[in-house]
Amino acid sequence: MCILPWLHRFTSEQGFHQICCSGEGPRKRLRDKDGHPLHINQALTDEELLNSPDLKAIRIAMLNEEWPSACERCRRSEEAGAKSVRQYMNDRFQHHWPEVLEQTVEDGTLSNPRVRYADIRLGNVCNLTCRMCGPGASRLWSDHYNEVQPPRFRILAAQLEDMKVNNWVKRQPARWLIEQCISSVEALQFAGGEPFIIPEMIEMLEVCVDSGRADQIALSYHTNLTVLPEKVTRLWPHFRSVTVICSVDGVGPLNEYIRRPSKWSDVDQNLHKLDAHCEEWNLRKIQFNTTVQIYNILSLADFFDYMGDNFKHVGPVPTFSPLYQPNYLSIANLPDDVKQIASDRLLSARSKAITRYRGYIQLTSVDTIIALMQKPSHPNGLKDFLYFTEKTDHEFKDSWARSCPELYDLLMRR
């Protein structure tokens, strides 16, 4: 059972309604009775969305103790010992279980559907071209994507062009979307693209403040933290709380290489601003979320020193989120001897951190990373990784030999 299908509204970067941020596969997009994807352009009310055919079917499946196919990522995470999105959300919204179950009728319909949590991906306007990303989340990738991808990962030119120019936030008024759930929402999450450079996000905050309900709403962000606008931070004190999840994949030059063309000095400066203004800006949590991939697997221990020694309010241990797609960047593709080096290094870092941060839940994600690293490699995984890396280095005038020297030596000496 996951509570999200009972009270959640998720809007993807392309404006499609999905089961949640963790859903995957062809069934992650919600569809109407004729099989057509549900999109923000249809102006669906919360009631229409929550009682859509797919969500009704998912609720019935869960009540029958079945795992819907779109929920495989949570199942795999839990099997590997990690705390999944399902478990986090059940903890967060468990007080709504009696109400929503009472409202669920035999065919899965909710008699009084109300959105309590809205996760809004504000299009694909971003200032970075992160190596594990693509044009769906950053339209800056559109002109380069097929030039660097292994052949079987390329997408149609028409799709690339559509992602380059088609932004739902500019077509469908953001004010309309937030007004659908403003009377009941308890939590709002923004991601992008990069939410801090998207003016419609600020407009949504202003709608919340004007409604008089901002003090009942918890905000959260996923951000690359390359910018931190004053016009955003001045609105935060109106809300119940603010959580900032910083997407950072390395310390110093490694983060600049993976999340190009970011500057580490900007990220570091903005982190210190968040730390210094934690109480003034009503920040409940400042946390790192690190996408674990081949490029950074040997350097994850660097976070423990950087985070633990430099901040008062920033969480001292990152959440390590394993990368699944594109699969050629998965750590499962590494040779066994490199996997062993990475595992030993992570276990050593965790052992030291346990003494210092006993009971800190993020430390359990180390076990998950090691378990997933032992999975079988993907067909042609390492070959595709080398192809992509060489192509992107040439396209962007970068160098993994310079940014990831140890990894380069271990893989290229073969």
Protein backbone atom coordinates (compact mmCIF):
# COMPACT_ATOMS: atom_id res chain seq x y z
CA MET A 1 0.00 0.00 0.00
CA CYS A 2 1.18 3.49 -0.90
CA ILE A 3 -0.88 6.50 0.08
CA LEU A 4 0.10 8.62 -2.93
CA PRO A 5 -2.60 7.31 -5.33
CA TRP A 6 -5.19 8.56 -2.84
CA LEU A 7 -4.02 12.16 -2.40
CA HIS A 8 -1.21 13.08 -4.79
CA ARG A 9 -0.95 15.16 -7.96
CA PHE A 10 2.23 14.86 -10.05
CA THR A 11 2.91 16.94 -13.17
CA SER A 12 5.94 15.97 -15.26
CA GLU A 13 8.34 18.27 -17.10
CA GLN A 14 6.33 17.72 -20.29
CA GLY A 15 3.03 18.43 -18.52
CA PHE A 16 1.85 14.81 -18.31
CA HIS A 17 0.13 13.51 -15.19
CA GLN A 18 2.00 10.56 -13.70
CA ILE A 19 1.52 8.26 -10.76
CA CYS A 20 4.40 9.91 -8.86
CA CYS A 21 8.06 10.95 -9.17
CA SER A 22 9.25 7.36 -8.74
CA GLY A 23 6.93 5.67 -11.23
CA GLU A 24 8.59 4.09 -14.23
CA GLY A 25 7.86 2.17 -17.38
CA PRO A 26 4.99 2.67 -19.81
CA ARG A 27 2.40 2.71 -17.02
CA LYS A 28 3.84 5.67 -15.13
CA ARG A 29 1.72 8.09 -17.20
CA LEU A 30 -1.93 8.22 -16.21
CA ARG A 31 -4.39 7.64 -19.07
CA ASP A 32 -8.07 8.07 -19.79
CA LYS A 33 -10.50 5.23 -20.56
CA ASP A 34 -9.38 5.24 -24.21
CA GLY A 35 -5.70 4.93 -23.33
CA HIS A 36 -4.72 8.54 -24.08
CA PRO A 37 -2.22 10.17 -21.70
CA LEU A 38 -3.63 12.75 -19.30
CA HIS A 39 -2.02 16.15 -19.82
CA ILE A 40 -2.11 19.52 -18.13
CA ASN A 41 -3.66 21.00 -21.29
CA GLN A 42 -6.86 19.11 -20.50
CA ALA A 43 -7.36 21.28 -17.40
CA LEU A 44 -8.39 18.33 -15.23
CA THR A 45 -9.69 19.17 -11.79
CA ASP A 46 -8.31 17.35 -8.76
CA GLU A 47 -11.45 15.22 -8.65
CA GLU A 48 -11.15 14.24 -12.32
CA LEU A 49 -7.48 13.40 -11.94
CA LEU A 50 -7.70 11.41 -8.71
CA ASN A 51 -10.62 9.41 -10.10
CA SER A 52 -8.93 8.72 -13.44
CA PRO A 53 -9.08 5.06 -14.60
CA ASP A 54 -5.43 4.28 -13.86
CA LEU A 55 -5.47 5.64 -10.32
CA LYS A 56 -8.67 3.75 -9.56
CA ALA A 57 -7.07 0.55 -10.86
CA ILE A 58 -3.86 1.18 -8.90
CA ARG A 59 -5.82 1.68 -5.68
CA ILE A 60 -7.70 -1.57 -6.23
CA ALA A 61 -4.43 -3.41 -6.94
CA MET A 62 -2.87 -2.09 -3.75
CA LEU A 63 -5.93 -3.01 -1.69
CA ASN A 64 -5.50 -6.52 -3.12
CA GLU A 65 -1.84 -6.51 -2.00
CA GLU A 66 -0.45 -6.35 -5.54
CA TRP A 67 2.51 -4.30 -6.79
CA PRO A 68 1.45 -2.19 -9.80
CA SER A 69 3.99 -2.41 -12.62
CA ALA A 70 4.68 1.33 -12.43
CA CYS A 71 5.85 0.88 -8.82
CA GLU A 72 8.80 -1.40 -9.56
CA ARG A 73 11.41 1.15 -8.47
CA CYS A 74 10.06 1.25 -4.93
CA ARG A 75 9.90 -2.54 -4.81
CA ARG A 76 13.52 -2.84 -5.98
CA SER A 77 14.67 -0.18 -3.52
CA GLU A 78 13.03 -1.96 -0.61
CA GLU A 79 14.48 -5.30 -1.68
CA ALA A 80 17.94 -3.68 -1.62
CA GLY A 81 17.34 -2.41 1.92
CA ALA A 82 16.66 1.23 1.09
CA LYS A 83 13.76 3.29 2.34
CA SER A 84 11.60 3.84 -0.72
CA VAL A 85 9.47 6.80 -1.79
CA ARG A 86 6.44 4.66 -0.84
CA GLN A 87 7.68 4.28 2.72
CA TYR A 88 8.64 7.95 3.06
CA MET A 89 5.23 9.09 1.87
CA ASN A 90 3.35 6.62 4.03
CA ASP A 91 5.20 8.00 7.05
CA ARG A 92 4.55 11.58 6.02
CA PHE A 93 0.84 11.30 5.25
CA GLN A 94 -0.21 8.35 7.42
CA HIS A 95 -2.70 10.51 9.31
CA HIS A 96 -4.88 10.52 6.17
CA TRP A 97 -5.23 6.73 5.87
CA PRO A 98 -8.51 6.38 7.84
CA GLU A 99 -10.13 9.21 5.86
CA VAL A 100 -9.08 8.08 2.37
CA LEU A 101 -9.87 4.41 2.94
CA GLU A 102 -13.33 5.31 4.18
CA GLN A 103 -13.87 7.34 0.99
CA THR A 104 -12.77 4.49 -1.31
CA VAL A 105 -15.69 2.66 -2.90
CA GLU A 106 -15.66 -0.81 -4.47
CA ASP A 107 -14.42 0.21 -7.95
CA GLY A 108 -11.60 2.35 -6.55
CA THR A 109 -13.42 5.68 -6.85
CA LEU A 110 -12.85 8.28 -4.14
CA SER A 111 -16.08 9.86 -2.92
CA ASN A 112 -14.40 13.09 -1.81
CA PRO A 113 -10.94 13.29 -3.46
CA ARG A 114 -8.63 15.98 -2.19
CA VAL A 115 -5.02 16.65 -3.15
CA ARG A 116 -2.79 16.93 -0.10
CA TYR A 117 0.56 16.74 -1.89
CA ALA A 118 1.36 18.29 -5.27
CA ASP A 119 4.68 17.63 -7.01
CA ILE A 120 5.09 20.07 -9.90
CA ARG A 121 7.88 19.76 -12.47
CA LEU A 122 8.04 23.20 -14.04
CA GLY A 123 8.95 22.30 -17.59
CA ASN A 124 12.47 21.73 -18.91
CA VAL A 125 13.98 25.21 -18.55
CA CYS A 126 17.36 24.59 -16.93
CA ASN A 127 20.78 26.22 -16.89
CA LEU A 128 22.72 22.93 -16.94
CA THR A 129 23.26 19.90 -19.17
CA CYS A 130 23.94 17.24 -16.54
CA ARG A 131 25.53 14.12 -18.01
CA MET A 132 22.82 11.72 -16.75
CA CYS A 133 20.04 14.06 -17.89
CA GLY A 134 18.42 14.75 -21.26
CA PRO A 135 16.21 17.17 -23.17
CA GLY A 136 13.11 16.13 -21.26
CA ALA A 137 14.44 17.88 -18.15
CA SER A 138 16.80 20.40 -19.77
CA ARG A 139 16.09 21.78 -23.21
CA LEU A 140 19.74 22.85 -23.48
CA TRP A 141 20.40 19.20 -24.31
CA SER A 142 18.28 19.33 -27.47
CA ASP A 143 21.04 20.40 -29.88
CA HIS A 144 23.60 17.94 -28.49
CA TYR A 145 21.72 14.85 -27.33
CA ASN A 146 21.86 12.62 -30.40
CA GLU A 147 25.41 13.71 -31.17
CA VAL A 148 26.73 12.03 -28.03
CA GLN A 149 24.34 9.13 -27.39
CA PRO A 150 25.14 5.53 -28.27
CA PRO A 151 22.98 4.75 -31.33
CA ARG A 152 20.28 2.77 -29.53
CA PHE A 153 19.66 5.62 -27.07
CA ARG A 154 19.00 8.31 -29.67
CA ILE A 155 15.53 9.78 -30.09
CA LEU A 156 13.63 11.16 -33.06
CA ALA A 157 14.60 14.62 -34.30
CA ALA A 158 10.96 15.73 -34.11
CA GLN A 159 10.85 14.82 -30.42
CA LEU A 160 14.03 16.78 -29.77
CA GLU A 161 12.62 19.83 -31.51
CA ASP A 162 9.40 19.56 -29.53
CA MET A 163 11.30 19.40 -26.24
CA LYS A 164 13.35 22.40 -27.29
CA VAL A 165 10.38 24.72 -27.86
CA ASN A 166 7.41 23.13 -26.11
CA ASN A 167 7.06 24.24 -22.49
CA TRP A 168 3.76 23.57 -20.74
CA VAL A 169 4.38 26.25 -18.08
CA LYS A 170 4.19 28.95 -20.75
CA ARG A 171 0.99 27.55 -22.30
CA GLN A 172 -1.07 26.53 -19.29
CA PRO A 173 -1.31 29.23 -16.61
CA ALA A 174 0.56 28.08 -13.52
CA ARG A 175 -1.91 29.99 -11.38
CA TRP A 176 -4.70 27.69 -12.59
CA LEU A 177 -2.80 24.57 -11.53
CA ILE A 178 -2.10 25.73 -8.00
CA GLU A 179 -5.62 27.04 -7.56
CA GLN A 180 -6.97 23.52 -8.11
CA CYS A 181 -5.50 22.23 -4.88
CA ILE A 182 -4.95 25.36 -2.80
CA SER A 183 -7.90 24.62 -0.50
CA SER A 184 -6.55 21.25 0.65
CA VAL A 185 -2.84 20.95 -0.18
CA GLU A 186 -0.43 20.42 2.72
CA ALA A 187 2.81 19.99 0.80
CA LEU A 188 4.13 21.46 -2.45
CA GLN A 189 7.26 20.22 -4.16
CA PHE A 190 8.93 22.04 -7.03
CA ALA A 191 11.53 20.74 -9.43
CA GLY A 192 12.38 21.49 -13.02
CA GLY A 193 14.21 22.06 -15.03
CA GLU A 194 15.69 24.32 -12.42
CA PRO A 195 12.87 25.78 -10.28
CA PHE A 196 14.85 28.79 -9.04
CA ILE A 197 15.10 30.25 -12.56
CA ILE A 198 11.42 29.72 -13.47
CA PRO A 199 9.25 32.79 -12.72
CA GLU A 200 6.02 30.75 -12.69
CA MET A 201 7.20 29.08 -9.48
CA ILE A 202 7.30 32.47 -7.79
CA GLU A 203 3.81 33.19 -9.10
CA MET A 204 2.59 29.97 -7.47
CA LEU A 205 4.12 30.99 -4.15
CA GLU A 206 2.36 34.32 -4.36
CA VAL A 207 -0.98 32.58 -5.00
CA CYS A 208 -0.44 30.55 -1.83
CA VAL A 209 0.40 33.64 0.20
CA ASP A 210 -2.61 35.55 -1.17
CA SER A 211 -4.90 32.61 -0.31
CA GLY A 212 -4.10 32.91 3.39
CA ARG A 213 -3.08 29.21 3.54
CA ALA A 214 0.67 29.53 3.07
CA ASP A 215 1.33 28.91 6.77
CA GLN A 216 -0.34 25.50 6.38
CA ILE A 217 1.82 24.43 3.42
CA ALA A 218 5.25 22.83 3.58
CA LEU A 219 7.44 23.68 0.58
CA SER A 220 10.21 21.52 -0.82
CA TYR A 221 12.60 21.94 -3.73
CA HIS A 222 14.95 19.87 -5.82
CA THR A 223 17.54 22.32 -7.11
CA ASN A 224 21.06 22.36 -8.52
CA LEU A 225 21.62 25.41 -6.26
CA THR A 226 23.64 27.30 -8.83
CA VAL A 227 21.36 30.29 -8.14
CA LEU A 228 19.42 31.45 -5.08
CA PRO A 229 17.18 34.46 -5.92
CA GLU A 230 16.23 36.94 -3.23
CA LYS A 231 12.66 37.15 -4.56
CA VAL A 232 12.25 33.47 -3.66
CA THR A 233 13.78 33.57 -0.20
CA ARG A 234 11.68 36.60 0.80
CA LEU A 235 8.50 34.51 0.31
CA TRP A 236 9.67 31.44 2.27
CA PRO A 237 8.93 32.82 5.77
CA HIS A 238 5.19 32.89 4.92
CA PHE A 239 5.09 29.08 4.68
CA ARG A 240 4.88 26.38 7.31
CA SER A 241 8.39 25.20 6.45
CA VAL A 242 10.85 24.93 3.57
CA THR A 243 13.03 21.98 2.60
CA VAL A 244 15.82 22.38 0.08
CA ILE A 245 17.14 19.19 -1.51
CA CYS A 246 20.39 20.08 -3.26
CA SER A 247 21.24 17.94 -6.27
CA VAL A 248 25.01 17.72 -5.92
CA ASP A 249 27.03 14.84 -7.31
CA GLY A 250 30.56 15.64 -6.29
CA VAL A 251 32.76 18.06 -4.41
CA GLY A 252 34.58 20.65 -6.49
CA PRO A 253 35.60 19.84 -10.09
CA LEU A 254 33.73 16.53 -10.15
CA ASN A 255 30.38 18.25 -9.66
CA GLU A 256 31.31 20.73 -12.38
CA TYR A 257 32.04 17.83 -14.72
CA ILE A 258 28.84 15.87 -14.03
CA ARG A 259 26.56 18.91 -13.71
CA ARG A 260 28.09 21.00 -16.42
CA PRO A 261 28.61 23.94 -16.72
CA SER A 262 28.01 24.64 -13.02
CA LYS A 263 30.63 26.40 -10.92
CA TRP A 264 31.42 24.81 -7.58
CA SER A 265 32.12 28.22 -6.06
CA ASP A 266 28.49 29.23 -6.73
CA VAL A 267 27.06 26.05 -5.20
CA ASP A 268 29.31 26.32 -2.16
CA GLN A 269 28.43 29.98 -1.64
CA ASN A 270 24.68 29.30 -1.86
CA LEU A 271 24.94 26.40 0.56
CA HIS A 272 26.58 28.68 3.09
CA LYS A 273 23.80 31.24 2.53
CA LEU A 274 21.17 28.62 3.30
CA ASP A 275 23.11 27.56 6.38
CA ALA A 276 23.52 31.13 7.64
CA HIS A 277 19.84 32.10 7.06
CA CYS A 278 18.28 28.83 8.14
CA GLU A 279 15.98 30.28 10.82
CA GLU A 280 15.29 33.56 9.02
CA TRP A 281 14.14 31.75 5.86
CA ASN A 282 12.12 29.14 7.77
CA LEU A 283 14.24 26.23 6.55
CA ARG A 284 13.31 22.90 8.10
CA LYS A 285 15.84 20.82 6.21
CA ILE A 286 18.82 21.34 3.90
CA GLN A 287 19.94 18.07 2.40
CA PHE A 288 22.15 16.74 -0.37
CA ASN A 289 20.74 14.26 -2.86
CA THR A 290 23.46 12.58 -4.86
CA THR A 291 22.77 10.62 -8.03
CA VAL A 292 25.19 7.71 -7.76
CA GLN A 293 26.69 6.77 -11.11
CA ILE A 294 29.96 5.55 -12.59
CA TYR A 295 31.52 9.02 -12.57
CA ASN A 296 31.25 9.59 -8.81
CA ILE A 297 31.19 6.10 -7.25
CA LEU A 298 34.83 6.32 -6.17
CA SER A 299 34.44 9.81 -4.67
CA LEU A 300 31.31 9.56 -2.51
CA ALA A 301 33.35 9.55 0.68
CA ASP A 302 34.43 13.13 -0.06
CA PHE A 303 30.94 14.30 0.93
CA PHE A 304 31.37 13.16 4.52
CA ASP A 305 34.33 15.48 5.07
CA TYR A 306 32.85 18.43 3.19
CA MET A 307 29.39 18.33 4.75
CA GLY A 308 30.38 17.38 8.25
CA ASP A 309 33.00 20.08 8.75
CA ASN A 310 31.55 23.13 7.00
CA PHE A 311 27.95 23.60 8.11
CA LYS A 312 25.72 23.95 11.13
CA HIS A 313 22.33 23.17 9.55
CA VAL A 314 23.09 21.25 6.35
CA GLY A 315 22.51 17.52 6.82
CA PRO A 316 25.90 15.88 7.41
CA VAL A 317 25.24 12.83 5.21
CA PRO A 318 23.84 12.89 1.65
CA THR A 319 21.03 10.69 0.42
CA PHE A 320 22.59 8.44 -2.18
CA SER A 321 20.11 7.81 -5.01
CA PRO A 322 21.22 5.11 -7.46
CA LEU A 323 20.94 5.97 -11.13
CA TYR A 324 18.82 3.60 -13.23
CA GLN A 325 18.62 5.52 -16.51
CA PRO A 326 20.50 5.91 -18.76
CA ASN A 327 21.64 2.41 -17.87
CA TYR A 328 25.14 2.84 -19.33
CA LEU A 329 25.95 5.15 -16.41
CA SER A 330 24.81 2.56 -13.85
CA ILE A 331 27.42 1.40 -11.35
CA ALA A 332 26.40 -2.20 -12.14
CA ASN A 333 28.48 -1.89 -15.32
CA LEU A 334 31.79 -1.49 -13.48
CA PRO A 335 34.41 -4.26 -13.53
CA ASP A 336 34.49 -6.38 -10.37
CA ASP A 337 37.80 -4.98 -9.10
CA VAL A 338 36.52 -1.39 -9.35
CA LYS A 339 33.32 -2.40 -7.58
CA GLN A 340 35.43 -3.83 -4.76
CA ILE A 341 37.44 -0.62 -4.40
CA ALA A 342 34.25 1.45 -4.33
CA SER A 343 32.59 -0.88 -1.79
CA ASP A 344 35.59 -0.87 0.55
CA ARG A 345 35.81 2.89 0.36
CA LEU A 346 32.11 3.38 1.12
CA LEU A 347 32.13 0.95 4.03
CA SER A 348 35.14 2.69 5.55
CA ALA A 349 33.52 6.10 5.22
CA ARG A 350 30.28 4.83 6.70
CA SER A 351 32.09 3.22 9.62
CA LYS A 352 33.68 6.54 10.53
CA ALA A 353 30.41 8.42 10.00
CA ILE A 354 28.39 6.05 12.20
CA THR A 355 30.48 7.05 15.19
CA ARG A 356 29.93 10.72 14.46
CA TYR A 357 26.30 10.65 13.23
CA ARG A 358 24.84 7.61 14.96
CA GLY A 359 21.30 6.83 13.87
CA TYR A 360 21.35 9.10 10.83
CA ILE A 361 18.99 7.38 8.39
CA GLN A 362 20.89 8.40 5.24
CA LEU A 363 23.75 6.12 6.25
CA THR A 364 21.60 3.12 5.34
CA SER A 365 21.73 4.19 1.67
CA VAL A 366 25.38 3.05 1.60
CA ASP A 367 24.24 -0.57 1.89
CA THR A 368 21.74 -0.01 -0.90
CA ILE A 369 24.40 1.38 -3.23
CA ILE A 370 26.70 -1.58 -2.57
CA ALA A 371 23.89 -4.07 -3.12
CA LEU A 372 22.83 -2.48 -6.41
CA MET A 373 26.44 -2.31 -7.58
CA GLN A 374 26.61 -6.10 -7.41
CA LYS A 375 23.77 -6.51 -9.90
CA PRO A 376 24.68 -7.89 -13.36
CA SER A 377 25.94 -5.33 -15.83
CA HIS A 378 23.74 -4.14 -18.69
CA PRO A 379 24.46 -5.47 -22.19
CA ASN A 380 27.24 -3.33 -23.69
CA GLY A 381 26.99 -1.14 -20.58
CA LEU A 382 30.66 -0.27 -20.16
CA LYS A 383 31.19 0.02 -23.91
CA ASP A 384 28.29 2.48 -24.15
CA PHE A 385 29.65 4.40 -21.15
CA LEU A 386 33.02 4.88 -22.82
CA TYR A 387 31.37 5.90 -26.10
CA PHE A 388 29.15 8.48 -24.39
CA THR A 389 31.97 9.85 -22.24
CA GLU A 390 34.37 10.35 -25.14
CA LYS A 391 31.62 11.92 -27.26
CA THR A 392 30.50 14.35 -24.55
CA ASP A 393 34.07 15.32 -23.73
CA HIS A 394 34.62 16.16 -27.39
CA GLU A 395 31.28 17.97 -27.73
CA PHE A 396 31.68 20.08 -24.57
CA LYS A 397 35.49 20.38 -24.47
CA ASP A 398 35.65 18.50 -21.17
CA SER A 399 38.01 15.78 -19.95
CA TRP A 400 37.12 12.86 -17.70
CA ALA A 401 40.83 12.08 -17.45
CA ARG A 402 41.21 15.43 -15.70
CA SER A 403 37.95 15.43 -13.68
CA CYS A 404 37.85 11.71 -12.75
CA PRO A 405 41.54 10.72 -12.94
CA GLU A 406 41.35 7.64 -10.73
CA LEU A 407 38.33 6.25 -12.59
CA TYR A 408 40.02 7.00 -15.91
CA ASP A 409 43.16 5.11 -14.92
CA LEU A 410 41.21 2.09 -13.61
CA LEU A 411 39.06 1.73 -16.71
CA MET A 412 41.47 2.73 -19.45
CA ARG A 413 44.47 0.68 -18.34
CA ARG A 414 42.65 -2.51 -19.43
